[in-house]
Amino acid sequence: MLVVQPPSVRVGLTDTTANEEHLLERITILENTMARLAERLEQGLNLLLRQSETANTNHAMVKSLIEVLSECGMMDNDRLESMWRAECAKLDEKSAEASPATVSPKKARKVTRKSSTSG
């Protein structure tokens, strides 16, 4: 047999009004909702952490590849950087065209890149 008790019984108040019971039930619902929200936020943060770790690993691999190609004399760092900046500018223009109302003017970013000594 299943016995259902209102949340006010769990609190231990014996002389509660219907309004107090209603408020206690609403507080319980809010507590449950907050617990579910906290779980979802934790899952989202874990996903962001995994994405960040993946991006960091990929960045390290590309950086290592660039250094190896530069050391072998198969790539020009200056040309790579100018092509990279041109591609970034194209992407910025495309995103500005796609949503002109939501994009605010960006300040020019100065990116410093470590160039290898052999070339």
N, C-alpha and C. Protein backbone atom coordinates (compact mmCIF):
# COMPACT_ATOMS: atom_id res chain seq x y z
N MET A 1 0.84 -1.16 0.00
CA MET A 1 0.00 0.00 0.00
C MET A 1 0.90 1.24 0.00
N LEU A 2 0.55 2.20 -0.79
CA LEU A 2 1.33 3.42 -0.93
C LEU A 2 0.64 4.54 -0.17
N VAL A 3 1.37 5.16 0.75
CA VAL A 3 0.82 6.26 1.53
C VAL A 3 1.50 7.54 1.06
N VAL A 4 0.70 8.49 0.64
CA VAL A 4 1.22 9.77 0.16
C VAL A 4 0.99 10.82 1.24
N GLN A 5 2.08 11.52 1.56
CA GLN A 5 1.99 12.57 2.57
C GLN A 5 2.41 13.89 1.95
N PRO A 6 1.75 14.97 2.31
CA PRO A 6 2.15 16.27 1.79
C PRO A 6 3.51 16.68 2.37
N PRO A 7 4.23 17.59 1.69
CA PRO A 7 5.55 18.01 2.17
C PRO A 7 5.52 18.63 3.56
N SER A 8 4.38 19.18 3.96
CA SER A 8 4.31 19.81 5.27
C SER A 8 4.46 18.78 6.39
N VAL A 9 4.09 17.54 6.16
CA VAL A 9 4.22 16.50 7.18
C VAL A 9 5.70 16.19 7.38
N ARG A 10 6.48 16.23 6.29
CA ARG A 10 7.91 15.97 6.40
C ARG A 10 8.62 17.03 7.23
N VAL A 11 8.12 18.26 7.16
CA VAL A 11 8.73 19.35 7.91
C VAL A 11 8.44 19.20 9.39
N GLY A 12 7.29 18.63 9.73
CA GLY A 12 6.95 18.39 11.12
C GLY A 12 5.97 19.41 11.68
N LEU A 13 5.39 20.20 10.84
CA LEU A 13 4.40 21.16 11.31
C LEU A 13 3.03 20.49 11.32
N THR A 14 2.40 20.50 12.45
CA THR A 14 1.11 19.83 12.55
C THR A 14 -0.06 20.76 12.28
N ASP A 15 0.12 22.03 12.54
CA ASP A 15 -1.00 22.96 12.36
C ASP A 15 -0.70 23.94 11.22
N THR A 16 -0.67 23.40 10.00
CA THR A 16 -0.42 24.26 8.84
C THR A 16 -1.73 24.50 8.11
N THR A 17 -1.78 25.63 7.49
CA THR A 17 -2.97 25.97 6.71
C THR A 17 -2.79 25.45 5.29
N ALA A 18 -3.87 25.51 4.52
CA ALA A 18 -3.81 25.05 3.13
C ALA A 18 -2.83 25.92 2.33
N ASN A 19 -2.79 27.21 2.64
CA ASN A 19 -1.88 28.12 1.95
C ASN A 19 -0.42 27.76 2.23
N GLU A 20 -0.12 27.41 3.48
CA GLU A 20 1.24 27.02 3.84
C GLU A 20 1.63 25.72 3.15
N GLU A 21 0.69 24.77 3.09
CA GLU A 21 0.97 23.52 2.39
C GLU A 21 1.25 23.78 0.92
N HIS A 22 0.45 24.66 0.33
CA HIS A 22 0.65 25.00 -1.07
C HIS A 22 2.03 25.62 -1.28
N LEU A 23 2.43 26.51 -0.39
CA LEU A 23 3.75 27.13 -0.51
C LEU A 23 4.87 26.11 -0.34
N LEU A 24 4.70 25.20 0.62
CA LEU A 24 5.71 24.16 0.82
C LEU A 24 5.83 23.25 -0.41
N GLU A 25 4.71 22.93 -1.01
CA GLU A 25 4.75 22.11 -2.22
C GLU A 25 5.44 22.85 -3.36
N ARG A 26 5.17 24.13 -3.49
CA ARG A 26 5.81 24.92 -4.54
C ARG A 26 7.31 25.03 -4.29
N ILE A 27 7.71 25.17 -3.03
CA ILE A 27 9.14 25.23 -2.70
C ILE A 27 9.81 23.90 -3.05
N THR A 28 9.13 22.80 -2.76
CA THR A 28 9.67 21.48 -3.10
C THR A 28 9.84 21.35 -4.61
N ILE A 29 8.85 21.80 -5.36
CA ILE A 29 8.95 21.76 -6.82
C ILE A 29 10.12 22.61 -7.30
N LEU A 30 10.28 23.78 -6.72
CA LEU A 30 11.40 24.65 -7.09
C LEU A 30 12.75 24.00 -6.74
N GLU A 31 12.81 23.34 -5.59
CA GLU A 31 14.05 22.65 -5.21
C GLU A 31 14.39 21.56 -6.21
N ASN A 32 13.40 20.79 -6.62
CA ASN A 32 13.62 19.73 -7.61
C ASN A 32 14.05 20.31 -8.95
N THR A 33 13.44 21.40 -9.35
CA THR A 33 13.79 22.06 -10.60
C THR A 33 15.22 22.58 -10.54
N MET A 34 15.58 23.16 -9.42
CA MET A 34 16.96 23.68 -9.26
C MET A 34 17.97 22.53 -9.29
N ALA A 35 17.63 21.40 -8.71
CA ALA A 35 18.55 20.25 -8.73
C ALA A 35 18.75 19.75 -10.15
N ARG A 36 17.66 19.67 -10.93
CA ARG A 36 17.78 19.25 -12.33
C ARG A 36 18.59 20.26 -13.13
N LEU A 37 18.37 21.55 -12.88
CA LEU A 37 19.13 22.59 -13.57
C LEU A 37 20.61 22.50 -13.23
N ALA A 38 20.92 22.25 -11.99
CA ALA A 38 22.32 22.11 -11.59
C ALA A 38 22.97 20.92 -12.29
N GLU A 39 22.24 19.82 -12.42
CA GLU A 39 22.77 18.66 -13.13
C GLU A 39 23.04 18.98 -14.60
N ARG A 40 22.11 19.68 -15.23
CA ARG A 40 22.29 20.04 -16.64
C ARG A 40 23.45 21.02 -16.82
N LEU A 41 23.59 21.95 -15.90
CA LEU A 41 24.72 22.87 -15.97
C LEU A 41 26.04 22.13 -15.83
N GLU A 42 26.07 21.16 -14.95
CA GLU A 42 27.28 20.36 -14.77
C GLU A 42 27.60 19.59 -16.04
N GLN A 43 26.58 19.01 -16.68
CA GLN A 43 26.80 18.30 -17.93
C GLN A 43 27.32 19.25 -19.01
N GLY A 44 26.76 20.46 -19.06
CA GLY A 44 27.21 21.45 -20.04
C GLY A 44 28.65 21.88 -19.80
N LEU A 45 29.00 22.06 -18.55
CA LEU A 45 30.38 22.43 -18.22
C LEU A 45 31.35 21.31 -18.57
N ASN A 46 30.94 20.06 -18.33
CA ASN A 46 31.80 18.93 -18.70
C ASN A 46 31.99 18.87 -20.21
N LEU A 47 30.93 19.15 -20.96
CA LEU A 47 31.05 19.17 -22.41
C LEU A 47 31.99 20.28 -22.87
N LEU A 48 31.86 21.46 -22.27
CA LEU A 48 32.76 22.56 -22.62
C LEU A 48 34.20 22.22 -22.29
N LEU A 49 34.43 21.56 -21.18
CA LEU A 49 35.78 21.16 -20.81
C LEU A 49 36.37 20.18 -21.82
N ARG A 50 35.57 19.20 -22.24
CA ARG A 50 36.05 18.25 -23.23
C ARG A 50 36.35 18.94 -24.55
N GLN A 51 35.48 19.88 -24.96
CA GLN A 51 35.70 20.61 -26.21
C GLN A 51 36.98 21.44 -26.12
N SER A 52 37.20 22.05 -24.97
CA SER A 52 38.40 22.86 -24.77
C SER A 52 39.65 22.00 -24.85
N GLU A 53 39.62 20.83 -24.22
CA GLU A 53 40.77 19.93 -24.25
C GLU A 53 41.05 19.46 -25.68
N THR A 54 39.99 19.16 -26.43
CA THR A 54 40.15 18.73 -27.81
C THR A 54 40.75 19.85 -28.66
N ALA A 55 40.25 21.06 -28.49
CA ALA A 55 40.77 22.20 -29.25
C ALA A 55 42.24 22.45 -28.90
N ASN A 56 42.58 22.33 -27.63
CA ASN A 56 43.95 22.53 -27.20
C ASN A 56 44.88 21.48 -27.82
N THR A 57 44.44 20.23 -27.84
CA THR A 57 45.22 19.16 -28.44
C THR A 57 45.41 19.40 -29.94
N ASN A 58 44.33 19.78 -30.62
CA ASN A 58 44.42 20.06 -32.06
C ASN A 58 45.35 21.23 -32.33
N HIS A 59 45.28 22.25 -31.49
CA HIS A 59 46.15 23.42 -31.65
C HIS A 59 47.62 23.01 -31.51
N ALA A 60 47.92 22.18 -30.52
CA ALA A 60 49.29 21.73 -30.31
C ALA A 60 49.79 20.92 -31.50
N MET A 61 48.92 20.08 -32.07
CA MET A 61 49.31 19.28 -33.23
C MET A 61 49.61 20.17 -34.44
N VAL A 62 48.74 21.15 -34.71
CA VAL A 62 48.95 22.04 -35.84
C VAL A 62 50.22 22.87 -35.64
N LYS A 63 50.43 23.34 -34.43
CA LYS A 63 51.64 24.12 -34.14
C LYS A 63 52.89 23.28 -34.37
N SER A 64 52.87 22.03 -33.92
CA SER A 64 54.01 21.14 -34.12
C SER A 64 54.23 20.86 -35.61
N LEU A 65 53.16 20.66 -36.34
CA LEU A 65 53.26 20.41 -37.78
C LEU A 65 53.87 21.61 -38.49
N ILE A 66 53.45 22.81 -38.13
CA ILE A 66 54.00 24.03 -38.74
C ILE A 66 55.50 24.14 -38.45
N GLU A 67 55.89 23.85 -37.21
CA GLU A 67 57.31 23.93 -36.86
C GLU A 67 58.14 22.91 -37.63
N VAL A 68 57.63 21.68 -37.78
CA VAL A 68 58.36 20.65 -38.51
C VAL A 68 58.50 21.04 -39.98
N LEU A 69 57.41 21.52 -40.58
CA LEU A 69 57.47 21.93 -41.98
C LEU A 69 58.41 23.12 -42.18
N SER A 70 58.43 24.02 -41.22
CA SER A 70 59.34 25.17 -41.31
C SER A 70 60.79 24.72 -41.20
N GLU A 71 61.07 23.80 -40.29
CA GLU A 71 62.44 23.31 -40.11
C GLU A 71 62.93 22.57 -41.36
N CYS A 72 62.04 21.91 -42.06
CA CYS A 72 62.42 21.18 -43.27
C CYS A 72 62.52 22.11 -44.48
N GLY A 73 62.14 23.36 -44.31
CA GLY A 73 62.19 24.32 -45.41
C GLY A 73 61.07 24.15 -46.40
N MET A 74 60.00 23.49 -46.01
CA MET A 74 58.88 23.24 -46.92
C MET A 74 57.78 24.29 -46.81
N MET A 75 57.94 25.25 -45.89
CA MET A 75 56.88 26.22 -45.67
C MET A 75 57.48 27.56 -45.27
N ASP A 76 56.83 28.63 -45.71
CA ASP A 76 57.25 29.98 -45.37
C ASP A 76 56.30 30.52 -44.30
N ASN A 77 56.84 30.84 -43.12
CA ASN A 77 56.00 31.31 -42.01
C ASN A 77 55.28 32.61 -42.34
N ASP A 78 55.94 33.54 -43.01
CA ASP A 78 55.32 34.81 -43.34
C ASP A 78 54.14 34.62 -44.29
N ARG A 79 54.31 33.75 -45.29
CA ARG A 79 53.22 33.48 -46.23
C ARG A 79 52.06 32.80 -45.51
N LEU A 80 52.38 31.85 -44.64
CA LEU A 80 51.33 31.16 -43.87
C LEU A 80 50.54 32.15 -43.03
N GLU A 81 51.24 33.05 -42.35
CA GLU A 81 50.55 34.02 -41.49
C GLU A 81 49.68 34.96 -42.30
N SER A 82 50.17 35.43 -43.46
CA SER A 82 49.36 36.34 -44.28
C SER A 82 48.12 35.62 -44.83
N MET A 83 48.29 34.36 -45.23
CA MET A 83 47.13 33.60 -45.72
C MET A 83 46.13 33.34 -44.59
N TRP A 84 46.65 33.06 -43.40
CA TRP A 84 45.78 32.82 -42.24
C TRP A 84 44.98 34.07 -41.89
N ARG A 85 45.65 35.23 -41.89
CA ARG A 85 44.95 36.49 -41.61
C ARG A 85 43.89 36.78 -42.66
N ALA A 86 44.18 36.49 -43.93
CA ALA A 86 43.20 36.71 -45.00
C ALA A 86 41.98 35.82 -44.80
N GLU A 87 42.19 34.57 -44.44
CA GLU A 87 41.07 33.65 -44.20
C GLU A 87 40.23 34.11 -43.00
N CYS A 88 40.90 34.58 -41.95
CA CYS A 88 40.17 35.09 -40.77
C CYS A 88 39.34 36.31 -41.15
N ALA A 89 39.88 37.18 -41.99
CA ALA A 89 39.14 38.36 -42.43
C ALA A 89 37.92 37.96 -43.24
N LYS A 90 38.06 36.94 -44.11
CA LYS A 90 36.92 36.45 -44.89
C LYS A 90 35.83 35.92 -43.97
N LEU A 91 36.23 35.13 -42.97
CA LEU A 91 35.25 34.59 -42.04
C LEU A 91 34.55 35.69 -41.26
N ASP A 92 35.29 36.72 -40.86
CA ASP A 92 34.67 37.85 -40.16
C ASP A 92 33.67 38.57 -41.04
N GLU A 93 34.00 38.73 -42.32
CA GLU A 93 33.07 39.38 -43.25
C GLU A 93 31.81 38.56 -43.45
N LYS A 94 31.98 37.24 -43.59
CA LYS A 94 30.81 36.37 -43.76
C LYS A 94 29.90 36.40 -42.54
N SER A 95 30.50 36.38 -41.35
CA SER A 95 29.66 36.41 -40.15
C SER A 95 29.00 37.77 -39.99
N ALA A 96 29.65 38.84 -40.42
CA ALA A 96 29.04 40.17 -40.35
C ALA A 96 27.88 40.29 -41.33
N GLU A 97 27.99 39.67 -42.51
CA GLU A 97 26.91 39.69 -43.49
C GLU A 97 25.74 38.82 -43.04
N ALA A 98 26.03 37.73 -42.37
CA ALA A 98 24.98 36.81 -41.95
C ALA A 98 24.09 37.40 -40.88
N SER A 99 24.67 38.14 -39.96
CA SER A 99 23.87 38.73 -38.87
C SER A 99 24.38 40.14 -38.57
N PRO A 100 24.05 41.12 -39.40
CA PRO A 100 24.58 42.47 -39.19
C PRO A 100 24.02 43.16 -37.95
N ALA A 101 22.83 42.80 -37.51
CA ALA A 101 22.23 43.48 -36.36
C ALA A 101 22.85 43.01 -35.05
N THR A 102 23.32 41.77 -35.00
CA THR A 102 23.83 41.24 -33.74
C THR A 102 25.34 41.37 -33.60
N VAL A 103 26.03 41.67 -34.68
CA VAL A 103 27.49 41.74 -34.62
C VAL A 103 27.90 43.17 -34.35
N SER A 104 28.67 43.36 -33.30
CA SER A 104 29.19 44.69 -33.01
C SER A 104 30.54 44.84 -33.67
N PRO A 105 30.95 46.06 -33.96
CA PRO A 105 32.26 46.23 -34.58
C PRO A 105 33.36 45.71 -33.67
N LYS A 106 34.24 44.94 -34.26
CA LYS A 106 35.31 44.32 -33.48
C LYS A 106 36.56 45.19 -33.56
N LYS A 107 37.29 45.19 -32.46
CA LYS A 107 38.59 45.83 -32.47
C LYS A 107 39.56 44.89 -33.16
N ALA A 108 40.54 45.47 -33.81
CA ALA A 108 41.53 44.64 -34.48
C ALA A 108 42.35 43.90 -33.43
N ARG A 109 42.47 42.62 -33.64
CA ARG A 109 43.25 41.81 -32.71
C ARG A 109 44.67 41.72 -33.22
N LYS A 110 45.58 41.88 -32.31
CA LYS A 110 46.98 41.72 -32.66
C LYS A 110 47.40 40.35 -32.18
N VAL A 111 47.73 39.51 -33.14
CA VAL A 111 48.12 38.16 -32.82
C VAL A 111 49.62 38.04 -33.00
N THR A 112 50.29 37.65 -31.93
CA THR A 112 51.73 37.45 -32.02
C THR A 112 51.98 35.97 -32.20
N ARG A 113 52.74 35.65 -33.21
CA ARG A 113 53.05 34.26 -33.49
C ARG A 113 54.54 34.04 -33.37
N LYS A 114 54.91 32.93 -32.82
CA LYS A 114 56.32 32.60 -32.67
C LYS A 114 56.79 32.00 -33.99
N SER A 115 57.75 32.64 -34.60
CA SER A 115 58.27 32.10 -35.85
C SER A 115 59.57 31.35 -35.57
N SER A 116 59.79 30.32 -36.33
CA SER A 116 60.98 29.53 -36.09
C SER A 116 62.18 30.24 -36.72
N THR A 117 63.36 29.95 -36.21
CA THR A 117 64.57 30.62 -36.68
C THR A 117 65.06 30.04 -37.98
N SER A 118 64.75 28.79 -38.26
CA SER A 118 65.17 28.21 -39.53
C SER A 118 64.08 28.41 -40.55
N GLY A 119 64.42 28.60 -41.78
CA GLY A 119 63.33 28.87 -42.65
C GLY A 119 63.61 28.57 -44.02
